[in-house]
Amino acid sequence: MKYRKKGIKKEHHIIEDGEELLEDLVKKGLVKSIIPGRIKTTPKGQPGNPRLTFQYETNSGAKLLLKKGSTVQEVFVITSNIEDLKEYITKKYKNK
């Protein structure tokens, strides 16, 4: 069932511990809405902390990747604040 909670569309699962990172983007006013996409993982999953990377701009916002170990999830965000979003993600996750 599709529904939204704190700006995140709940149609697909979200990588474990990744929801908090996405909610943080909404709380900081960097994005208006979040649409999680498919999750890709390798058979030999590696542990790790969740982190976000900026991929590219879209017509309505941007595509991000939510990563945890060897698991990757596409995340589409709606925003009119691309540069601030990109700067925030780059600074927060540059050393991770």
PDB file of N, CA and C in Angstrom:
ATOM      1  N   MET A   1       0.835  -1.177   0.000  1.00  0.00           N
ATOM      2  CA  MET A   1       0.000   0.000   0.000  1.00  0.00           C
ATOM      3  C   MET A   1       0.886   1.248   0.000  1.00  0.00           C
ATOM      4  N   LYS A   2       0.550   2.195  -0.828  1.00  0.00           N
ATOM      5  CA  LYS A   2       1.341   3.415  -0.941  1.00  0.00           C
ATOM      6  C   LYS A   2       0.852   4.452   0.067  1.00  0.00           C
ATOM      7  N   TYR A   3       1.757   5.047   0.792  1.00  0.00           N
ATOM      8  CA  TYR A   3       1.418   6.164   1.653  1.00  0.00           C
ATOM      9  C   TYR A   3       2.687   6.945   1.969  1.00  0.00           C
ATOM     10  N   ARG A   4       2.515   8.143   2.494  1.00  0.00           N
ATOM     11  CA  ARG A   4       3.660   8.992   2.825  1.00  0.00           C
ATOM     12  C   ARG A   4       3.759   9.157   4.332  1.00  0.00           C
ATOM     13  N   LYS A   5       4.988   9.150   4.801  1.00  0.00           N
ATOM     14  CA  LYS A   5       5.257   9.386   6.211  1.00  0.00           C
ATOM     15  C   LYS A   5       6.483  10.285   6.277  1.00  0.00           C
ATOM     16  N   LYS A   6       6.321  11.462   6.831  1.00  0.00           N
ATOM     17  CA  LYS A   6       7.412  12.430   6.963  1.00  0.00           C
ATOM     18  C   LYS A   6       8.067  12.724   5.621  1.00  0.00           C
ATOM     19  N   GLY A   7       7.257  12.854   4.569  1.00  0.00           N
ATOM     20  CA  GLY A   7       7.770  13.215   3.253  1.00  0.00           C
ATOM     21  C   GLY A   7       8.334  12.070   2.441  1.00  0.00           C
ATOM     22  N   ILE A   8       8.283  10.844   2.973  1.00  0.00           N
ATOM     23  CA  ILE A   8       8.843   9.691   2.266  1.00  0.00           C
ATOM     24  C   ILE A   8       7.704   8.799   1.773  1.00  0.00           C
ATOM     25  N   LYS A   9       7.668   8.554   0.480  1.00  0.00           N
ATOM     26  CA  LYS A   9       6.656   7.676  -0.100  1.00  0.00           C
ATOM     27  C   LYS A   9       7.022   6.241   0.253  1.00  0.00           C
ATOM     28  N   LYS A  10       6.091   5.528   0.869  1.00  0.00           N
ATOM     29  CA  LYS A  10       6.352   4.177   1.362  1.00  0.00           C
ATOM     30  C   LYS A  10       5.823   3.111   0.417  1.00  0.00           C
ATOM     31  N   GLU A  11       6.287   3.131  -0.817  1.00  0.00           N
ATOM     32  CA  GLU A  11       5.873   2.108  -1.773  1.00  0.00           C
ATOM     33  C   GLU A  11       6.871   0.952  -1.772  1.00  0.00           C
ATOM     34  N   HIS A  12       8.132   1.262  -1.546  1.00  0.00           N
ATOM     35  CA  HIS A  12       9.191   0.250  -1.508  1.00  0.00           C
ATOM     36  C   HIS A  12       9.845   0.278  -0.131  1.00  0.00           C
ATOM     37  N   HIS A  13      10.501  -0.807   0.206  1.00  0.00           N
ATOM     38  CA  HIS A  13      11.269  -0.851   1.451  1.00  0.00           C
ATOM     39  C   HIS A  13      12.430   0.117   1.347  1.00  0.00           C
ATOM     40  N   ILE A  14      12.994   0.445   2.490  1.00  0.00           N
ATOM     41  CA  ILE A  14      14.171   1.315   2.538  1.00  0.00           C
ATOM     42  C   ILE A  14      15.278   0.540   3.227  1.00  0.00           C
ATOM     43  N   ILE A  15      16.497   0.704   2.746  1.00  0.00           N
ATOM     44  CA  ILE A  15      17.655   0.037   3.347  1.00  0.00           C
ATOM     45  C   ILE A  15      17.661   0.278   4.852  1.00  0.00           C
ATOM     46  N   GLU A  16      17.994  -0.763   5.593  1.00  0.00           N
ATOM     47  CA  GLU A  16      18.044  -0.675   7.045  1.00  0.00           C
ATOM     48  C   GLU A  16      18.899   0.507   7.493  1.00  0.00           C
ATOM     49  N   ASP A  17      18.396   1.281   8.422  1.00  0.00           N
ATOM     50  CA  ASP A  17      19.049   2.467   8.990  1.00  0.00           C
ATOM     51  C   ASP A  17      19.109   3.647   8.012  1.00  0.00           C
ATOM     52  N   GLY A  18      18.559   3.525   6.824  1.00  0.00           N
ATOM     53  CA  GLY A  18      18.611   4.609   5.845  1.00  0.00           C
ATOM     54  C   GLY A  18      17.477   5.599   5.952  1.00  0.00           C
ATOM     55  N   GLU A  19      16.366   5.172   6.560  1.00  0.00           N
ATOM     56  CA  GLU A  19      15.204   6.052   6.645  1.00  0.00           C
ATOM     57  C   GLU A  19      15.524   7.326   7.423  1.00  0.00           C
ATOM     58  N   GLU A  20      16.319   7.195   8.462  1.00  0.00           N
ATOM     59  CA  GLU A  20      16.692   8.367   9.271  1.00  0.00           C
ATOM     60  C   GLU A  20      17.455   9.397   8.436  1.00  0.00           C
ATOM     61  N   LEU A  21      18.343   8.929   7.556  1.00  0.00           N
ATOM     62  CA  LEU A  21      19.097   9.852   6.696  1.00  0.00           C
ATOM     63  C   LEU A  21      18.162  10.597   5.758  1.00  0.00           C
ATOM     64  N   LEU A  22      17.169   9.890   5.227  1.00  0.00           N
ATOM     65  CA  LEU A  22      16.223  10.506   4.311  1.00  0.00           C
ATOM     66  C   LEU A  22      15.314  11.492   5.038  1.00  0.00           C
ATOM     67  N   GLU A  23      14.846  11.119   6.229  1.00  0.00           N
ATOM     68  CA  GLU A  23      14.003  12.020   7.008  1.00  0.00           C
ATOM     69  C   GLU A  23      14.751  13.297   7.356  1.00  0.00           C
ATOM     70  N   ASP A  24      16.052  13.182   7.572  1.00  0.00           N
ATOM     71  CA  ASP A  24      16.880  14.344   7.895  1.00  0.00           C
ATOM     72  C   ASP A  24      16.860  15.371   6.753  1.00  0.00           C
ATOM     73  N   LEU A  25      16.840  14.891   5.507  1.00  0.00           N
ATOM     74  CA  LEU A  25      16.792  15.800   4.357  1.00  0.00           C
ATOM     75  C   LEU A  25      15.492  16.598   4.345  1.00  0.00           C
ATOM     76  N   VAL A  26      14.393  15.946   4.731  1.00  0.00           N
ATOM     77  CA  VAL A  26      13.097  16.632   4.789  1.00  0.00           C
ATOM     78  C   VAL A  26      13.098  17.639   5.938  1.00  0.00           C
ATOM     79  N   LYS A  27      13.585  17.222   7.101  1.00  0.00           N
ATOM     80  CA  LYS A  27      13.614  18.103   8.281  1.00  0.00           C
ATOM     81  C   LYS A  27      14.433  19.361   8.033  1.00  0.00           C
ATOM     82  N   LYS A  28      15.520  19.232   7.298  1.00  0.00           N
ATOM     83  CA  LYS A  28      16.391  20.380   7.012  1.00  0.00           C
ATOM     84  C   LYS A  28      15.854  21.250   5.875  1.00  0.00           C
ATOM     85  N   GLY A  29      14.728  20.856   5.287  1.00  0.00           N
ATOM     86  CA  GLY A  29      14.127  21.637   4.217  1.00  0.00           C
ATOM     87  C   GLY A  29      14.850  21.519   2.884  1.00  0.00           C
ATOM     88  N   LEU A  30      15.674  20.491   2.736  1.00  0.00           N
ATOM     89  CA  LEU A  30      16.430  20.306   1.497  1.00  0.00           C
ATOM     90  C   LEU A  30      15.606  19.625   0.415  1.00  0.00           C
ATOM     91  N   VAL A  31      14.624  18.820   0.807  1.00  0.00           N
ATOM     92  CA  VAL A  31      13.750  18.146  -0.154  1.00  0.00           C
ATOM     93  C   VAL A  31      12.297  18.245   0.308  1.00  0.00           C
ATOM     94  N   LYS A  32      11.387  18.198  -0.657  1.00  0.00           N
ATOM     95  CA  LYS A  32       9.953  18.244  -0.351  1.00  0.00           C
ATOM     96  C   LYS A  32       9.378  16.848  -0.233  1.00  0.00           C
ATOM     97  N   SER A  33       9.879  15.931  -1.047  1.00  0.00           N
ATOM     98  CA  SER A  33       9.338  14.582  -1.077  1.00  0.00           C
ATOM     99  C   SER A  33      10.428  13.603  -1.505  1.00  0.00           C
ATOM    100  N   ILE A  34      10.292  12.355  -1.051  1.00  0.00           N
ATOM    101  CA  ILE A  34      11.276  11.312  -1.340  1.00  0.00           C
ATOM    102  C   ILE A  34      10.556  10.081  -1.868  1.00  0.00           C
ATOM    103  N   ILE A  35      11.067   9.547  -2.974  1.00  0.00           N
ATOM    104  CA  ILE A  35      10.497   8.334  -3.562  1.00  0.00           C
ATOM    105  C   ILE A  35      11.599   7.278  -3.645  1.00  0.00           C
ATOM    106  N   PRO A  36      11.602   6.306  -2.718  1.00  0.00           N
ATOM    107  CA  PRO A  36      12.621   5.257  -2.757  1.00  0.00           C
ATOM    108  C   PRO A  36      12.403   4.337  -3.960  1.00  0.00           C
ATOM    109  N   GLY A  37      13.485   3.885  -4.554  1.00  0.00           N
ATOM    110  CA  GLY A  37      13.426   2.967  -5.686  1.00  0.00           C
ATOM    111  C   GLY A  37      13.880   1.580  -5.292  1.00  0.00           C
ATOM    112  N   ARG A  38      14.311   0.822  -6.291  1.00  0.00           N
ATOM    113  CA  ARG A  38      14.688  -0.567  -6.045  1.00  0.00           C
ATOM    114  C   ARG A  38      16.002  -0.670  -5.266  1.00  0.00           C
ATOM    115  N   ILE A  39      16.116  -1.774  -4.559  1.00  0.00           N
ATOM    116  CA  ILE A  39      17.314  -2.070  -3.771  1.00  0.00           C
ATOM    117  C   ILE A  39      18.098  -3.139  -4.505  1.00  0.00           C
ATOM    118  N   LYS A  40      19.405  -2.905  -4.656  1.00  0.00           N
ATOM    119  CA  LYS A  40      20.289  -3.894  -5.279  1.00  0.00           C
ATOM    120  C   LYS A  40      21.335  -4.302  -4.255  1.00  0.00           C
ATOM    121  N   THR A  41      21.549  -5.603  -4.164  1.00  0.00           N
ATOM    122  CA  THR A  41      22.537  -6.095  -3.215  1.00  0.00           C
ATOM    123  C   THR A  41      23.338  -7.221  -3.850  1.00  0.00           C
ATOM    124  N   THR A  42      24.512  -7.446  -3.318  1.00  0.00           N
ATOM    125  CA  THR A  42      25.332  -8.550  -3.806  1.00  0.00           C
ATOM    126  C   THR A  42      25.148  -9.730  -2.857  1.00  0.00           C
ATOM    127  N   PRO A  43      25.358 -10.950  -3.342  1.00  0.00           N
ATOM    128  CA  PRO A  43      25.184 -12.125  -2.478  1.00  0.00           C
ATOM    129  C   PRO A  43      26.074 -12.092  -1.238  1.00  0.00           C
ATOM    130  N   LYS A  44      27.253 -11.525  -1.368  1.00  0.00           N
ATOM    131  CA  LYS A  44      28.164 -11.431  -0.227  1.00  0.00           C
ATOM    132  C   LYS A  44      28.063 -10.024   0.346  1.00  0.00           C
ATOM    133  N   GLY A  45      26.948  -9.745   0.991  1.00  0.00           N
ATOM    134  CA  GLY A  45      26.709  -8.414   1.553  1.00  0.00           C
ATOM    135  C   GLY A  45      27.767  -8.038   2.576  1.00  0.00           C
ATOM    136  N   GLN A  46      28.226  -6.826   2.486  1.00  0.00           N
ATOM    137  CA  GLN A  46      29.236  -6.313   3.413  1.00  0.00           C
ATOM    138  C   GLN A  46      28.561  -5.360   4.400  1.00  0.00           C
ATOM    139  N   PRO A  47      28.991  -5.379   5.653  1.00  0.00           N
ATOM    140  CA  PRO A  47      28.439  -4.434   6.625  1.00  0.00           C
ATOM    141  C   PRO A  47      28.955  -3.021   6.344  1.00  0.00           C
ATOM    142  N   GLY A  48      28.292  -2.059   6.906  1.00  0.00           N
ATOM    143  CA  GLY A  48      28.737  -0.680   6.749  1.00  0.00           C
ATOM    144  C   GLY A  48      27.678   0.276   7.259  1.00  0.00           C
ATOM    145  N   ASN A  49      28.058   1.529   7.356  1.00  0.00           N
ATOM    146  CA  ASN A  49      27.125   2.553   7.797  1.00  0.00           C
ATOM    147  C   ASN A  49      26.393   3.116   6.587  1.00  0.00           C
ATOM    148  N   PRO A  50      25.131   3.498   6.755  1.00  0.00           N
ATOM    149  CA  PRO A  50      24.398   4.078   5.628  1.00  0.00           C
ATOM    150  C   PRO A  50      24.953   5.446   5.259  1.00  0.00           C
ATOM    151  N   ARG A  51      24.908   5.764   3.963  1.00  0.00           N
ATOM    152  CA  ARG A  51      25.390   7.058   3.484  1.00  0.00           C
ATOM    153  C   ARG A  51      24.676   7.387   2.180  1.00  0.00           C
ATOM    154  N   LEU A  52      24.665   8.643   1.838  1.00  0.00           N
ATOM    155  CA  LEU A  52      24.020   9.103   0.615  1.00  0.00           C
ATOM    156  C   LEU A  52      25.050   9.646  -0.354  1.00  0.00           C
ATOM    157  N   THR A  53      24.811   9.456  -1.640  1.00  0.00           N
ATOM    158  CA  THR A  53      25.618  10.096  -2.669  1.00  0.00           C
ATOM    159  C   THR A  53      24.671  10.733  -3.680  1.00  0.00           C
ATOM    160  N   PHE A  54      25.078  11.880  -4.197  1.00  0.00           N
ATOM    161  CA  PHE A  54      24.305  12.597  -5.200  1.00  0.00           C
ATOM    162  C   PHE A  54      24.670  12.038  -6.565  1.00  0.00           C
ATOM    163  N   GLN A  55      23.675  11.661  -7.369  1.00  0.00           N
ATOM    164  CA  GLN A  55      23.941  11.109  -8.695  1.00  0.00           C
ATOM    165  C   GLN A  55      23.787  12.154  -9.788  1.00  0.00           C
ATOM    166  N   TYR A  56      22.565  12.674  -9.963  1.00  0.00           N
ATOM    167  CA  TYR A  56      22.338  13.672 -11.003  1.00  0.00           C
ATOM    168  C   TYR A  56      21.009  14.387 -10.775  1.00  0.00           C
ATOM    169  N   GLU A  57      20.863  15.518 -11.444  1.00  0.00           N
ATOM    170  CA  GLU A  57      19.620  16.274 -11.385  1.00  0.00           C
ATOM    171  C   GLU A  57      18.570  15.628 -12.281  1.00  0.00           C
ATOM    172  N   THR A  58      17.304  15.777 -11.883  1.00  0.00           N
ATOM    173  CA  THR A  58      16.174  15.341 -12.699  1.00  0.00           C
ATOM    174  C   THR A  58      15.283  16.561 -12.940  1.00  0.00           C
ATOM    175  N   ASN A  59      14.222  16.396 -13.710  1.00  0.00           N
ATOM    176  CA  ASN A  59      13.310  17.512 -13.973  1.00  0.00           C
ATOM    177  C   ASN A  59      12.703  18.085 -12.706  1.00  0.00           C
ATOM    178  N   SER A  60      12.411  17.224 -11.741  1.00  0.00           N
ATOM    179  CA  SER A  60      11.751  17.692 -10.522  1.00  0.00           C
ATOM    180  C   SER A  60      12.655  17.700  -9.295  1.00  0.00           C
ATOM    181  N   GLY A  61      13.904  17.303  -9.449  1.00  0.00           N
ATOM    182  CA  GLY A  61      14.794  17.264  -8.285  1.00  0.00           C
ATOM    183  C   GLY A  61      16.097  16.568  -8.589  1.00  0.00           C
ATOM    184  N   ALA A  62      16.289  15.401  -7.952  1.00  0.00           N
ATOM    185  CA  ALA A  62      17.560  14.708  -8.108  1.00  0.00           C
ATOM    186  C   ALA A  62      17.417  13.214  -7.834  1.00  0.00           C
ATOM    187  N   LYS A  63      18.410  12.476  -8.332  1.00  0.00           N
ATOM    188  CA  LYS A  63      18.524  11.062  -8.007  1.00  0.00           C
ATOM    189  C   LYS A  63      19.707  10.921  -7.057  1.00  0.00           C
ATOM    190  N   LEU A  64      19.468  10.237  -5.946  1.00  0.00           N
ATOM    191  CA  LEU A  64      20.504   9.955  -4.959  1.00  0.00           C
ATOM    192  C   LEU A  64      20.676   8.452  -4.871  1.00  0.00           C
ATOM    193  N   LEU A  65      21.785   8.030  -4.304  1.00  0.00           N
ATOM    194  CA  LEU A  65      21.976   6.623  -3.971  1.00  0.00           C
ATOM    195  C   LEU A  65      22.133   6.515  -2.464  1.00  0.00           C
ATOM    196  N   LEU A  66      21.369   5.619  -1.865  1.00  0.00           N
ATOM    197  CA  LEU A  66      21.488   5.295  -0.458  1.00  0.00           C
ATOM    198  C   LEU A  66      22.274   3.995  -0.398  1.00  0.00           C
ATOM    199  N   LYS A  67      23.418   4.025   0.264  1.00  0.00           N
ATOM    200  CA  LYS A  67      24.300   2.856   0.309  1.00  0.00           C
ATOM    201  C   LYS A  67      24.526   2.421   1.748  1.00  0.00           C
ATOM    202  N   LYS A  68      24.601   1.110   1.920  1.00  0.00           N
ATOM    203  CA  LYS A  68      24.994   0.526   3.202  1.00  0.00           C
ATOM    204  C   LYS A  68      25.748  -0.747   2.886  1.00  0.00           C
ATOM    205  N   GLY A  69      27.041  -0.719   3.117  1.00  0.00           N
ATOM    206  CA  GLY A  69      27.872  -1.856   2.758  1.00  0.00           C
ATOM    207  C   GLY A  69      27.836  -2.062   1.261  1.00  0.00           C
ATOM    208  N   SER A  70      27.459  -3.259   0.828  1.00  0.00           N
ATOM    209  CA  SER A  70      27.392  -3.546  -0.606  1.00  0.00           C
ATOM    210  C   SER A  70      25.962  -3.435  -1.146  1.00  0.00           C
ATOM    211  N   THR A  71      25.051  -2.909  -0.341  1.00  0.00           N
ATOM    212  CA  THR A  71      23.660  -2.725  -0.762  1.00  0.00           C
ATOM    213  C   THR A  71      23.457  -1.283  -1.213  1.00  0.00           C
ATOM    214  N   VAL A  72      22.767  -1.112  -2.347  1.00  0.00           N
ATOM    215  CA  VAL A  72      22.549   0.221  -2.915  1.00  0.00           C
ATOM    216  C   VAL A  72      21.071   0.371  -3.266  1.00  0.00           C
ATOM    217  N   GLN A  73      20.518   1.539  -2.949  1.00  0.00           N
ATOM    218  CA  GLN A  73      19.127   1.831  -3.289  1.00  0.00           C
ATOM    219  C   GLN A  73      19.047   3.179  -4.006  1.00  0.00           C
ATOM    220  N   GLU A  74      18.306   3.186  -5.124  1.00  0.00           N
ATOM    221  CA  GLU A  74      18.033   4.436  -5.817  1.00  0.00           C
ATOM    222  C   GLU A  74      16.996   5.211  -5.008  1.00  0.00           C
ATOM    223  N   VAL A  75      17.198   6.523  -4.895  1.00  0.00           N
ATOM    224  CA  VAL A  75      16.254   7.373  -4.181  1.00  0.00           C
ATOM    225  C   VAL A  75      16.043   8.625  -5.017  1.00  0.00           C
ATOM    226  N   PHE A  76      14.805   8.895  -5.363  1.00  0.00           N
ATOM    227  CA  PHE A  76      14.477  10.096  -6.125  1.00  0.00           C
ATOM    228  C   PHE A  76      13.870  11.116  -5.179  1.00  0.00           C
ATOM    229  N   VAL A  77      14.339  12.359  -5.266  1.00  0.00           N
ATOM    230  CA  VAL A  77      13.835  13.407  -4.382  1.00  0.00           C
ATOM    231  C   VAL A  77      13.264  14.557  -5.209  1.00  0.00           C
ATOM    232  N   ILE A  78      12.242  15.172  -4.660  1.00  0.00           N
ATOM    233  CA  ILE A  78      11.660  16.355  -5.274  1.00  0.00           C
ATOM    234  C   ILE A  78      12.155  17.548  -4.475  1.00  0.00           C
ATOM    235  N   THR A  79      12.793  18.474  -5.174  1.00  0.00           N
ATOM    236  CA  THR A  79      13.347  19.650  -4.526  1.00  0.00           C
ATOM    237  C   THR A  79      13.529  20.774  -5.532  1.00  0.00           C
ATOM    238  N   SER A  80      13.508  21.985  -5.032  1.00  0.00           N
ATOM    239  CA  SER A  80      13.831  23.140  -5.869  1.00  0.00           C
ATOM    240  C   SER A  80      15.164  23.726  -5.389  1.00  0.00           C
ATOM    241  N   ASN A  81      15.825  22.994  -4.501  1.00  0.00           N
ATOM    242  CA  ASN A  81      17.036  23.450  -3.841  1.00  0.00           C
ATOM    243  C   ASN A  81      18.207  22.514  -4.150  1.00  0.00           C
ATOM    244  N   ILE A  82      18.459  22.276  -5.428  1.00  0.00           N
ATOM    245  CA  ILE A  82      19.467  21.293  -5.866  1.00  0.00           C
ATOM    246  C   ILE A  82      20.859  21.592  -5.319  1.00  0.00           C
ATOM    247  N   GLU A  83      21.305  22.828  -5.454  1.00  0.00           N
ATOM    248  CA  GLU A  83      22.676  23.156  -5.053  1.00  0.00           C
ATOM    249  C   GLU A  83      22.900  22.957  -3.554  1.00  0.00           C
ATOM    250  N   ASP A  84      21.942  23.374  -2.721  1.00  0.00           N
ATOM    251  CA  ASP A  84      22.078  23.176  -1.276  1.00  0.00           C
ATOM    252  C   ASP A  84      22.060  21.691  -0.923  1.00  0.00           C
ATOM    253  N   LEU A  85      21.215  20.920  -1.606  1.00  0.00           N
ATOM    254  CA  LEU A  85      21.159  19.473  -1.380  1.00  0.00           C
ATOM    255  C   LEU A  85      22.492  18.830  -1.743  1.00  0.00           C
ATOM    256  N   LYS A  86      22.998  19.169  -2.900  1.00  0.00           N
ATOM    257  CA  LYS A  86      24.270  18.604  -3.359  1.00  0.00           C
ATOM    258  C   LYS A  86      25.407  18.966  -2.391  1.00  0.00           C
ATOM    259  N   GLU A  87      25.443  20.215  -1.965  1.00  0.00           N
ATOM    260  CA  GLU A  87      26.486  20.677  -1.038  1.00  0.00           C
ATOM    261  C   GLU A  87      26.391  19.949   0.306  1.00  0.00           C
ATOM    262  N   TYR A  88      25.174  19.802   0.822  1.00  0.00           N
ATOM    263  CA  TYR A  88      24.965  19.123   2.098  1.00  0.00           C
ATOM    264  C   TYR A  88      25.449  17.675   2.037  1.00  0.00           C
ATOM    265  N   ILE A  89      25.040  16.960   1.003  1.00  0.00           N
ATOM    266  CA  ILE A  89      25.426  15.547   0.861  1.00  0.00           C
ATOM    267  C   ILE A  89      26.931  15.418   0.692  1.00  0.00           C
ATOM    268  N   THR A  90      27.515  16.257  -0.137  1.00  0.00           N
ATOM    269  CA  THR A  90      28.961  16.201  -0.371  1.00  0.00           C
ATOM    270  C   THR A  90      29.748  16.443   0.910  1.00  0.00           C
ATOM    271  N   LYS A  91      29.365  17.451   1.676  1.00  0.00           N
ATOM    272  CA  LYS A  91      30.075  17.766   2.919  1.00  0.00           C
ATOM    273  C   LYS A  91      29.874  16.700   3.985  1.00  0.00           C
ATOM    274  N   LYS A  92      28.636  16.246   4.144  1.00  0.00           N
ATOM    275  CA  LYS A  92      28.329  15.291   5.221  1.00  0.00           C
ATOM    276  C   LYS A  92      28.949  13.920   4.981  1.00  0.00           C
ATOM    277  N   TYR A  93      29.023  13.476   3.730  1.00  0.00           N
ATOM    278  CA  TYR A  93      29.463  12.111   3.453  1.00  0.00           C
ATOM    279  C   TYR A  93      30.795  12.016   2.724  1.00  0.00           C
ATOM    280  N   LYS A  94      31.550  13.101   2.666  1.00  0.00           N
ATOM    281  CA  LYS A  94      32.792  13.092   1.879  1.00  0.00           C
ATOM    282  C   LYS A  94      33.850  12.140   2.421  1.00  0.00           C
ATOM    283  N   ASN A  95      33.888  11.914   3.703  1.00  0.00           N
ATOM    284  CA  ASN A  95      34.927  11.055   4.299  1.00  0.00           C
ATOM    285  C   ASN A  95      34.409   9.671   4.657  1.00  0.00           C
ATOM    286  N   LYS A  96      33.246   9.315   4.156  1.00  0.00           N
ATOM    287  CA  LYS A  96      32.675   8.014   4.563  1.00  0.00           C
ATOM    288  C   LYS A  96      32.733   7.021   3.451  1.00  0.00           C
TER     289      LYS A  96
END
